[in-house]
């Protein structure tokens, strides 16, 4: 039927037009035309001489290709729009900065500053230090009234930590010698990578830990 020839021509025309992904409107127009022609073909075909199955499958495959191309172009337009609006322009400002997070920090022969969150009912508190294997390597008493603690780098063995070794921290809130709360100790870690995921800025640190940029409470220049 003539409709079949027209549909084949429309499909061929689409294949040529998809080479230029810069104009999604043209692709969407081809998609709508292709769909209209396919529907008209099915409605008007001779019931005594229906379209051969192989030809119909080929047309459905072309239809699927058109649909996928439209979706790809829509995604591409979103990316280009984000770039044009400077959505990634602010990402570079995070690279190399030190951000306070619940990850690990390297010991570099100077005390490590740890932000602590202690229960208001606590009458004592303790800083627990873990190495990269998750083993407790040091503990020290801290003032429950203070919001920050410094770890000197001295291990429970009496030795000083090696430069470059990374450590994480937990803060235990105690009342009458009983543990009533355990929270992460927050340290400054350098941002190694920044990603834009579903419109949100995600920071990644040297130890592989991540956090959303809108959760950052403190940032400083790398020392």
Foldseek 3Di string as FASTA:
>chain_A
DVLLVVLVVLLVVLVVVLVDLPDLVVLVVSLVVNVVSVVVLVVPPDPVDHDDPVSVVVSVVSNVVSVVSSVVSVVVVVVVVCVVVCVCVPVVVQAQKWFKDQDKDWDAQAWFKWFDDEDPQFPWKKKFKAFPVRDTFAMDTDGRVDRIDTDNQQTPVRDGHDGGTIMWIKMFGHDPRHTDDIGGIIGIFGFHDWDQDPNWIKTAGPVGDIDTPVVTDDIGHDD
